[in-house]
Amino acid sequence: MSETDKDTQTTHFGYQQVNVEDKADKVADVFHSVAAKYDLMNDLMSMGIHRLWKRMTIEMSGVRRGSTVLDIAGGTGDLTLKFSRLVGAEGKVVLADINDSMLKVGRDKLLDSGCSGNVEFVQANAECLPFPDNTFDCITIAFGLRNVTDKDKALRSMARILKPGGRLLVLEFSKPTNPVMSKIYDTYSFTALPFMGKLITNDAESYRYLAESIRMHPDQETLKGMMEEAGLSRVEYHNMTNGVVALHRGVKL
């Protein structure tokens, strides 16, 4: 059975079952709540390692001067900032996010960094991206796919707007490959994350949801198959930090 029950039109929100039409609003509430402290919490939760995961994403993107890039669920703009400097004045980067609070934080951060001339900001749902076919050389979605209601639909939407030869990179929490790491990770996720969320953002529940959403996300091989079903070829993935995070890459032929 897919993660969305087509008969009853319910889907998961963490460990809860909710109506499909309600999930986007519930996810939005989470990110409205955490947007202002999102970067700080990322550094605390990952002990800074998220920067290395994102650096590998940049390195595997193949983005160069003149490229057109879409950073979906780009949030506070970490990847967009790096891509903006890589593509130069001849290229373009679109930072897209469904959540206007996250988009505002990202816009302010990028403007403060002096990065605006080749960056556009679009509020968009990954399931129905508002761009023409064959638009982008590269699309990235980092730690956002697990929050999408219909992941298959979103992947098809991304594949549609990639240029032939373009690359989709999905950076996401995944399934640890080491049993010891898996146990440590579970304990950390369900105790430390809500505690830090309460301490820093006064919102333990949002970080409890984030931990649950990671557990409900497809594992490495399942996501690889989903990308292939969406029409991408040469799909491969690279585990990082013992599979806590995986970077999937696929090419549109």
C-alpha atoms as a PDB file:
ATOM      1  CA  MET A   1       0.000   0.000   0.000  1.00  0.00           C
ATOM      2  CA  SER A   2       1.274   3.486  -0.770  1.00  0.00           C
ATOM      3  CA  GLU A   3       1.814   5.984   2.019  1.00  0.00           C
ATOM      4  CA  THR A   4      -1.433   7.680   0.987  1.00  0.00           C
ATOM      5  CA  ASP A   5      -4.532   5.500   1.301  1.00  0.00           C
ATOM      6  CA  LYS A   6      -6.412   6.212  -1.944  1.00  0.00           C
ATOM      7  CA  ASP A   7      -9.657   4.623  -0.725  1.00  0.00           C
ATOM      8  CA  THR A   8     -10.094   6.562   2.482  1.00  0.00           C
ATOM      9  CA  GLN A   9      -8.031   9.585   1.367  1.00  0.00           C
ATOM     10  CA  THR A  10      -5.899   9.630   4.472  1.00  0.00           C
ATOM     11  CA  THR A  11      -2.160   9.916   4.831  1.00  0.00           C
ATOM     12  CA  HIS A  12       0.373  10.040   7.627  1.00  0.00           C
ATOM     13  CA  PHE A  13       1.403  13.126   9.560  1.00  0.00           C
ATOM     14  CA  GLY A  14       4.204  11.665  11.609  1.00  0.00           C
ATOM     15  CA  TYR A  15       2.582   8.665  13.281  1.00  0.00           C
ATOM     16  CA  GLN A  16      -0.931  10.094  12.992  1.00  0.00           C
ATOM     17  CA  GLN A  17      -3.373   9.396  10.177  1.00  0.00           C
ATOM     18  CA  VAL A  18      -4.943  12.590   8.832  1.00  0.00           C
ATOM     19  CA  ASN A  19      -7.104  13.556   5.873  1.00  0.00           C
ATOM     20  CA  VAL A  20      -5.030  14.155   2.754  1.00  0.00           C
ATOM     21  CA  GLU A  21      -6.341  17.702   2.372  1.00  0.00           C
ATOM     22  CA  ASP A  22      -5.289  18.543   5.954  1.00  0.00           C
ATOM     23  CA  LYS A  23      -1.659  17.441   5.828  1.00  0.00           C
ATOM     24  CA  ALA A  24      -0.235  20.470   4.008  1.00  0.00           C
ATOM     25  CA  ASP A  25      -1.772  22.817   6.583  1.00  0.00           C
ATOM     26  CA  LYS A  26      -0.439  20.738   9.468  1.00  0.00           C
ATOM     27  CA  VAL A  27       3.065  20.707   7.965  1.00  0.00           C
ATOM     28  CA  ALA A  28       2.759  24.451   7.366  1.00  0.00           C
ATOM     29  CA  ASP A  29       1.969  25.003  11.048  1.00  0.00           C
ATOM     30  CA  VAL A  30       5.137  23.126  12.000  1.00  0.00           C
ATOM     31  CA  PHE A  31       7.356  25.301   9.844  1.00  0.00           C
ATOM     32  CA  HIS A  32       5.589  28.564  10.720  1.00  0.00           C
ATOM     33  CA  SER A  33       6.461  27.677  14.302  1.00  0.00           C
ATOM     34  CA  VAL A  34      10.134  26.842  13.755  1.00  0.00           C
ATOM     35  CA  ALA A  35      11.118  29.181  10.885  1.00  0.00           C
ATOM     36  CA  ALA A  36      12.800  31.879  12.965  1.00  0.00           C
ATOM     37  CA  LYS A  37      15.110  29.400  14.754  1.00  0.00           C
ATOM     38  CA  TYR A  38      15.409  26.889  11.898  1.00  0.00           C
ATOM     39  CA  ASP A  39      19.122  27.438  11.148  1.00  0.00           C
ATOM     40  CA  LEU A  40      20.086  27.397  14.818  1.00  0.00           C
ATOM     41  CA  MET A  41      18.164  24.168  15.388  1.00  0.00           C
ATOM     42  CA  ASN A  42      19.754  22.533  12.333  1.00  0.00           C
ATOM     43  CA  ASP A  43      23.206  23.252  13.741  1.00  0.00           C
ATOM     44  CA  LEU A  44      22.256  21.967  17.189  1.00  0.00           C
ATOM     45  CA  MET A  45      20.390  18.856  16.033  1.00  0.00           C
ATOM     46  CA  SER A  46      23.096  17.703  13.611  1.00  0.00           C
ATOM     47  CA  MET A  47      26.043  19.125  15.558  1.00  0.00           C
ATOM     48  CA  GLY A  48      26.903  21.022  12.383  1.00  0.00           C
ATOM     49  CA  ILE A  49      27.143  17.902  10.215  1.00  0.00           C
ATOM     50  CA  HIS A  50      24.271  19.077   7.988  1.00  0.00           C
ATOM     51  CA  ARG A  51      26.771  21.453   6.379  1.00  0.00           C
ATOM     52  CA  LEU A  52      28.858  18.491   5.200  1.00  0.00           C
ATOM     53  CA  TRP A  53      25.760  16.714   3.849  1.00  0.00           C
ATOM     54  CA  LYS A  54      24.835  19.837   1.895  1.00  0.00           C
ATOM     55  CA  ARG A  55      28.387  20.297   0.648  1.00  0.00           C
ATOM     56  CA  MET A  56      28.295  16.805  -0.879  1.00  0.00           C
ATOM     57  CA  THR A  57      24.985  17.697  -2.534  1.00  0.00           C
ATOM     58  CA  ILE A  58      26.601  20.751  -4.117  1.00  0.00           C
ATOM     59  CA  GLU A  59      29.600  18.716  -5.265  1.00  0.00           C
ATOM     60  CA  MET A  60      27.413  16.042  -6.888  1.00  0.00           C
ATOM     61  CA  SER A  61      25.061  18.504  -8.554  1.00  0.00           C
ATOM     62  CA  GLY A  62      27.267  19.270 -11.538  1.00  0.00           C
ATOM     63  CA  VAL A  63      26.099  22.890 -11.340  1.00  0.00           C
ATOM     64  CA  ARG A  64      28.389  25.355 -13.070  1.00  0.00           C
ATOM     65  CA  ARG A  65      28.396  28.892 -14.437  1.00  0.00           C
ATOM     66  CA  GLY A  66      25.271  29.583 -16.462  1.00  0.00           C
ATOM     67  CA  SER A  67      23.199  26.715 -15.003  1.00  0.00           C
ATOM     68  CA  THR A  68      19.534  27.064 -14.063  1.00  0.00           C
ATOM     69  CA  VAL A  69      18.773  25.554 -10.647  1.00  0.00           C
ATOM     70  CA  LEU A  70      15.610  24.972  -8.635  1.00  0.00           C
ATOM     71  CA  ASP A  71      16.015  24.533  -4.879  1.00  0.00           C
ATOM     72  CA  ILE A  72      12.687  23.038  -3.707  1.00  0.00           C
ATOM     73  CA  ALA A  73      11.764  23.280  -0.031  1.00  0.00           C
ATOM     74  CA  GLY A  74      14.796  25.535   0.028  1.00  0.00           C
ATOM     75  CA  GLY A  75      13.801  27.012   3.364  1.00  0.00           C
ATOM     76  CA  THR A  76      16.419  29.380   4.671  1.00  0.00           C
ATOM     77  CA  GLY A  77      18.514  29.182   1.528  1.00  0.00           C
ATOM     78  CA  ASP A  78      21.692  27.274   2.429  1.00  0.00           C
ATOM     79  CA  LEU A  79      21.895  25.518  -0.944  1.00  0.00           C
ATOM     80  CA  THR A  80      20.541  28.500  -2.887  1.00  0.00           C
ATOM     81  CA  LEU A  81      23.337  30.705  -1.567  1.00  0.00           C
ATOM     82  CA  LYS A  82      26.012  28.261  -2.717  1.00  0.00           C
ATOM     83  CA  PHE A  83      24.331  27.696  -6.092  1.00  0.00           C
ATOM     84  CA  SER A  84      23.981  31.436  -6.665  1.00  0.00           C
ATOM     85  CA  ARG A  85      27.737  31.856  -6.431  1.00  0.00           C
ATOM     86  CA  LEU A  86      28.369  28.858  -8.703  1.00  0.00           C
ATOM     87  CA  VAL A  87      26.013  29.842 -11.544  1.00  0.00           C
ATOM     88  CA  GLY A  88      27.137  33.465 -11.680  1.00  0.00           C
ATOM     89  CA  ALA A  89      25.397  36.313 -13.445  1.00  0.00           C
ATOM     90  CA  GLU A  90      24.709  34.120 -16.496  1.00  0.00           C
ATOM     91  CA  GLY A  91      22.755  31.561 -14.447  1.00  0.00           C
ATOM     92  CA  LYS A  92      19.634  31.562 -12.301  1.00  0.00           C
ATOM     93  CA  VAL A  93      18.577  29.937  -9.040  1.00  0.00           C
ATOM     94  CA  VAL A  94      14.958  29.669  -7.913  1.00  0.00           C
ATOM     95  CA  LEU A  95      14.347  29.195  -4.202  1.00  0.00           C
ATOM     96  CA  ALA A  96      10.925  27.559  -3.833  1.00  0.00           C
ATOM     97  CA  ASP A  97       9.095  26.665  -0.657  1.00  0.00           C
ATOM     98  CA  ILE A  98       5.448  25.967   0.119  1.00  0.00           C
ATOM     99  CA  ASN A  99       5.758  27.786   3.443  1.00  0.00           C
ATOM    100  CA  ASP A 100       5.754  31.579   3.323  1.00  0.00           C
ATOM    101  CA  SER A 101       7.403  31.916   6.756  1.00  0.00           C
ATOM    102  CA  MET A 102      10.385  29.836   5.638  1.00  0.00           C
ATOM    103  CA  LEU A 103      10.512  31.697   2.319  1.00  0.00           C
ATOM    104  CA  LYS A 104      10.654  35.072   4.093  1.00  0.00           C
ATOM    105  CA  VAL A 105      13.489  33.896   6.352  1.00  0.00           C
ATOM    106  CA  GLY A 106      15.371  32.599   3.291  1.00  0.00           C
ATOM    107  CA  ARG A 107      14.805  35.811   1.331  1.00  0.00           C
ATOM    108  CA  ASP A 108      16.068  37.989   4.194  1.00  0.00           C
ATOM    109  CA  LYS A 109      19.102  35.778   4.718  1.00  0.00           C
ATOM    110  CA  LEU A 110      20.064  35.819   1.035  1.00  0.00           C
ATOM    111  CA  LEU A 111      19.534  39.554   0.676  1.00  0.00           C
ATOM    112  CA  ASP A 112      21.712  40.124   3.758  1.00  0.00           C
ATOM    113  CA  SER A 113      24.379  37.987   2.066  1.00  0.00           C
ATOM    114  CA  GLY A 114      24.306  40.225  -1.006  1.00  0.00           C
ATOM    115  CA  CYS A 115      22.820  37.425  -3.076  1.00  0.00           C
ATOM    116  CA  SER A 116      19.851  38.620  -5.101  1.00  0.00           C
ATOM    117  CA  GLY A 117      20.718  39.402  -8.713  1.00  0.00           C
ATOM    118  CA  ASN A 118      20.424  35.823  -9.969  1.00  0.00           C
ATOM    119  CA  VAL A 119      17.953  34.442  -7.398  1.00  0.00           C
ATOM    120  CA  GLU A 120      14.160  34.309  -7.610  1.00  0.00           C
ATOM    121  CA  PHE A 121      11.742  33.366  -4.824  1.00  0.00           C
ATOM    122  CA  VAL A 122       8.608  31.334  -5.520  1.00  0.00           C
ATOM    123  CA  GLN A 123       6.013  29.965  -3.128  1.00  0.00           C
ATOM    124  CA  ALA A 124       5.130  26.601  -4.644  1.00  0.00           C
ATOM    125  CA  ASN A 125       3.877  23.115  -3.859  1.00  0.00           C
ATOM    126  CA  ALA A 126       6.312  20.394  -4.941  1.00  0.00           C
ATOM    127  CA  GLU A 127       3.405  18.299  -6.233  1.00  0.00           C
ATOM    128  CA  CYS A 128       2.459  20.850  -8.905  1.00  0.00           C
ATOM    129  CA  LEU A 129       5.478  22.990  -9.679  1.00  0.00           C
ATOM    130  CA  PRO A 130       4.541  26.121 -11.663  1.00  0.00           C
ATOM    131  CA  PHE A 131       7.262  25.913 -14.308  1.00  0.00           C
ATOM    132  CA  PRO A 132       7.282  24.859 -17.982  1.00  0.00           C
ATOM    133  CA  ASP A 133       8.612  21.475 -19.097  1.00  0.00           C
ATOM    134  CA  ASN A 134      12.384  21.179 -19.536  1.00  0.00           C
ATOM    135  CA  THR A 135      13.301  24.328 -17.571  1.00  0.00           C
ATOM    136  CA  PHE A 136      16.080  23.413 -15.124  1.00  0.00           C
ATOM    137  CA  ASP A 137      19.561  21.902 -15.368  1.00  0.00           C
ATOM    138  CA  CYS A 138      19.419  20.814 -11.746  1.00  0.00           C
ATOM    139  CA  ILE A 139      16.764  20.424  -9.055  1.00  0.00           C
ATOM    140  CA  THR A 140      17.497  19.836  -5.390  1.00  0.00           C
ATOM    141  CA  ILE A 141      15.201  19.078  -2.477  1.00  0.00           C
ATOM    142  CA  ALA A 142      16.970  18.862   0.878  1.00  0.00           C
ATOM    143  CA  PHE A 143      15.105  17.564   3.933  1.00  0.00           C
ATOM    144  CA  GLY A 144      11.771  18.420   2.343  1.00  0.00           C
ATOM    145  CA  LEU A 145      10.503  15.380   0.474  1.00  0.00           C
ATOM    146  CA  ARG A 146       9.401  13.579   3.636  1.00  0.00           C
ATOM    147  CA  ASN A 147       6.941  16.403   4.332  1.00  0.00           C
ATOM    148  CA  VAL A 148       5.265  16.146   0.919  1.00  0.00           C
ATOM    149  CA  THR A 149       1.848  14.467   0.920  1.00  0.00           C
ATOM    150  CA  ASP A 150       2.122  12.712  -2.472  1.00  0.00           C
ATOM    151  CA  LYS A 151       5.799  12.031  -3.019  1.00  0.00           C
ATOM    152  CA  ASP A 152       5.269  10.156  -6.295  1.00  0.00           C
ATOM    153  CA  LYS A 153       3.383  13.098  -7.762  1.00  0.00           C
ATOM    154  CA  ALA A 154       6.097  15.495  -6.581  1.00  0.00           C
ATOM    155  CA  LEU A 155       8.864  13.406  -8.156  1.00  0.00           C
ATOM    156  CA  ARG A 156       6.977  13.317 -11.465  1.00  0.00           C
ATOM    157  CA  SER A 157       6.547  17.083 -11.285  1.00  0.00           C
ATOM    158  CA  MET A 158      10.282  17.521 -10.742  1.00  0.00           C
ATOM    159  CA  ALA A 159      11.160  15.166 -13.592  1.00  0.00           C
ATOM    160  CA  ARG A 160       8.835  17.048 -15.937  1.00  0.00           C
ATOM    161  CA  ILE A 161      10.573  20.386 -15.484  1.00  0.00           C
ATOM    162  CA  LEU A 162      14.125  19.032 -15.715  1.00  0.00           C
ATOM    163  CA  LYS A 163      15.897  19.537 -19.010  1.00  0.00           C
ATOM    164  CA  PRO A 164      17.075  16.381 -20.791  1.00  0.00           C
ATOM    165  CA  GLY A 165      20.360  15.539 -19.109  1.00  0.00           C
ATOM    166  CA  GLY A 166      19.297  17.450 -16.001  1.00  0.00           C
ATOM    167  CA  ARG A 167      19.823  16.058 -12.503  1.00  0.00           C
ATOM    168  CA  LEU A 168      17.534  15.682  -9.512  1.00  0.00           C
ATOM    169  CA  LEU A 169      19.190  15.417  -6.107  1.00  0.00           C
ATOM    170  CA  VAL A 170      17.186  14.381  -3.044  1.00  0.00           C
ATOM    171  CA  LEU A 171      18.952  14.856   0.282  1.00  0.00           C
ATOM    172  CA  GLU A 172      16.901  13.323   3.061  1.00  0.00           C
ATOM    173  CA  PHE A 173      17.031  11.473   6.353  1.00  0.00           C
ATOM    174  CA  SER A 174      16.955   7.743   5.709  1.00  0.00           C
ATOM    175  CA  LYS A 175      17.438   4.358   7.351  1.00  0.00           C
ATOM    176  CA  PRO A 176      20.675   3.785   9.311  1.00  0.00           C
ATOM    177  CA  THR A 177      22.708   0.870   8.001  1.00  0.00           C
ATOM    178  CA  ASN A 178      24.340   0.102  11.340  1.00  0.00           C
ATOM    179  CA  PRO A 179      22.108  -1.501  14.040  1.00  0.00           C
ATOM    180  CA  VAL A 180      23.998   0.221  16.862  1.00  0.00           C
ATOM    181  CA  MET A 181      23.712   3.593  15.125  1.00  0.00           C
ATOM    182  CA  SER A 182      20.006   2.907  14.554  1.00  0.00           C
ATOM    183  CA  LYS A 183      19.365   2.445  18.278  1.00  0.00           C
ATOM    184  CA  ILE A 184      21.372   5.525  19.226  1.00  0.00           C
ATOM    185  CA  TYR A 185      19.590   7.520  16.531  1.00  0.00           C
ATOM    186  CA  ASP A 186      16.135   6.444  17.737  1.00  0.00           C
ATOM    187  CA  THR A 187      16.914   7.415  21.317  1.00  0.00           C
ATOM    188  CA  TYR A 188      18.368  10.747  20.233  1.00  0.00           C
ATOM    189  CA  SER A 189      15.482  11.562  17.879  1.00  0.00           C
ATOM    190  CA  PHE A 190      12.673  10.924  20.334  1.00  0.00           C
ATOM    191  CA  THR A 191      14.276  12.409  23.443  1.00  0.00           C
ATOM    192  CA  ALA A 192      16.892  15.021  22.530  1.00  0.00           C
ATOM    193  CA  LEU A 193      15.089  16.583  19.549  1.00  0.00           C
ATOM    194  CA  PRO A 194      11.819  17.408  21.362  1.00  0.00           C
ATOM    195  CA  PHE A 195      13.843  18.624  24.371  1.00  0.00           C
ATOM    196  CA  MET A 196      15.903  20.986  22.193  1.00  0.00           C
ATOM    197  CA  GLY A 197      12.760  22.077  20.378  1.00  0.00           C
ATOM    198  CA  LYS A 198      11.131  22.993  23.689  1.00  0.00           C
ATOM    199  CA  LEU A 199      14.256  24.773  24.922  1.00  0.00           C
ATOM    200  CA  ILE A 200      15.048  26.773  21.767  1.00  0.00           C
ATOM    201  CA  THR A 201      11.690  27.313  20.040  1.00  0.00           C
ATOM    202  CA  ASN A 202       9.264  26.535  22.889  1.00  0.00           C
ATOM    203  CA  ASP A 203       7.793  23.858  20.608  1.00  0.00           C
ATOM    204  CA  ALA A 204       8.510  20.237  21.473  1.00  0.00           C
ATOM    205  CA  GLU A 205       5.615  18.890  19.385  1.00  0.00           C
ATOM    206  CA  SER A 206       6.964  20.160  16.051  1.00  0.00           C
ATOM    207  CA  TYR A 207      10.261  18.389  16.641  1.00  0.00           C
ATOM    208  CA  ARG A 208       8.475  15.241  17.760  1.00  0.00           C
ATOM    209  CA  TYR A 209       6.655  15.367  14.395  1.00  0.00           C
ATOM    210  CA  LEU A 210       9.965  15.818  12.575  1.00  0.00           C
ATOM    211  CA  ALA A 211      11.368  12.712  14.269  1.00  0.00           C
ATOM    212  CA  GLU A 212       8.240  10.728  13.377  1.00  0.00           C
ATOM    213  CA  SER A 213       8.253  11.978   9.770  1.00  0.00           C
ATOM    214  CA  ILE A 214      11.789  10.646   9.347  1.00  0.00           C
ATOM    215  CA  ARG A 215      10.656   7.175  10.445  1.00  0.00           C
ATOM    216  CA  MET A 216       7.760   7.244   7.973  1.00  0.00           C
ATOM    217  CA  HIS A 217       9.948   8.248   5.023  1.00  0.00           C
ATOM    218  CA  PRO A 218      10.797   5.553   2.424  1.00  0.00           C
ATOM    219  CA  ASP A 219      14.131   3.778   2.834  1.00  0.00           C
ATOM    220  CA  GLN A 220      16.985   4.132   0.368  1.00  0.00           C
ATOM    221  CA  GLU A 221      15.978   1.396  -2.066  1.00  0.00           C
ATOM    222  CA  THR A 222      12.295   2.352  -2.003  1.00  0.00           C
ATOM    223  CA  LEU A 223      13.063   5.983  -2.813  1.00  0.00           C
ATOM    224  CA  LYS A 224      15.397   4.890  -5.595  1.00  0.00           C
ATOM    225  CA  GLY A 225      12.532   2.892  -7.127  1.00  0.00           C
ATOM    226  CA  MET A 226      10.156   5.832  -6.776  1.00  0.00           C
ATOM    227  CA  MET A 227      12.567   8.088  -8.656  1.00  0.00           C
ATOM    228  CA  GLU A 228      12.862   5.521 -11.423  1.00  0.00           C
ATOM    229  CA  GLU A 229       9.078   5.228 -11.620  1.00  0.00           C
ATOM    230  CA  ALA A 230       8.928   9.017 -11.984  1.00  0.00           C
ATOM    231  CA  GLY A 231      10.993   8.732 -15.167  1.00  0.00           C
ATOM    232  CA  LEU A 232      14.531   9.311 -13.925  1.00  0.00           C
ATOM    233  CA  SER A 233      17.455   7.173 -15.022  1.00  0.00           C
ATOM    234  CA  ARG A 234      20.864   6.224 -13.606  1.00  0.00           C
ATOM    235  CA  VAL A 235      19.448   6.645 -10.093  1.00  0.00           C
ATOM    236  CA  GLU A 236      21.992   6.060  -7.355  1.00  0.00           C
ATOM    237  CA  TYR A 237      22.288   6.937  -3.703  1.00  0.00           C
ATOM    238  CA  HIS A 238      25.086   7.617  -1.278  1.00  0.00           C
ATOM    239  CA  ASN A 239      24.695   6.941   2.437  1.00  0.00           C
ATOM    240  CA  MET A 240      26.177   9.451   4.827  1.00  0.00           C
ATOM    241  CA  THR A 241      26.686   9.129   8.579  1.00  0.00           C
ATOM    242  CA  ASN A 242      25.885   5.390   8.461  1.00  0.00           C
ATOM    243  CA  GLY A 243      22.703   5.950   6.464  1.00  0.00           C
ATOM    244  CA  VAL A 244      21.207   8.527   8.825  1.00  0.00           C
ATOM    245  CA  VAL A 245      21.088  10.637   5.681  1.00  0.00           C
ATOM    246  CA  ALA A 246      21.095   9.524   2.045  1.00  0.00           C
ATOM    247  CA  LEU A 247      21.703  11.562  -1.090  1.00  0.00           C
ATOM    248  CA  HIS A 248      19.834  10.222  -4.144  1.00  0.00           C
ATOM    249  CA  ARG A 249      20.666  11.426  -7.638  1.00  0.00           C
ATOM    250  CA  GLY A 250      18.816  10.729 -10.872  1.00  0.00           C
ATOM    251  CA  VAL A 251      19.147  11.974 -14.453  1.00  0.00           C
ATOM    252  CA  LYS A 252      16.457  12.829 -16.972  1.00  0.00           C
ATOM    253  CA  LEU A 253      17.353  11.267 -20.319  1.00  0.00           C
END
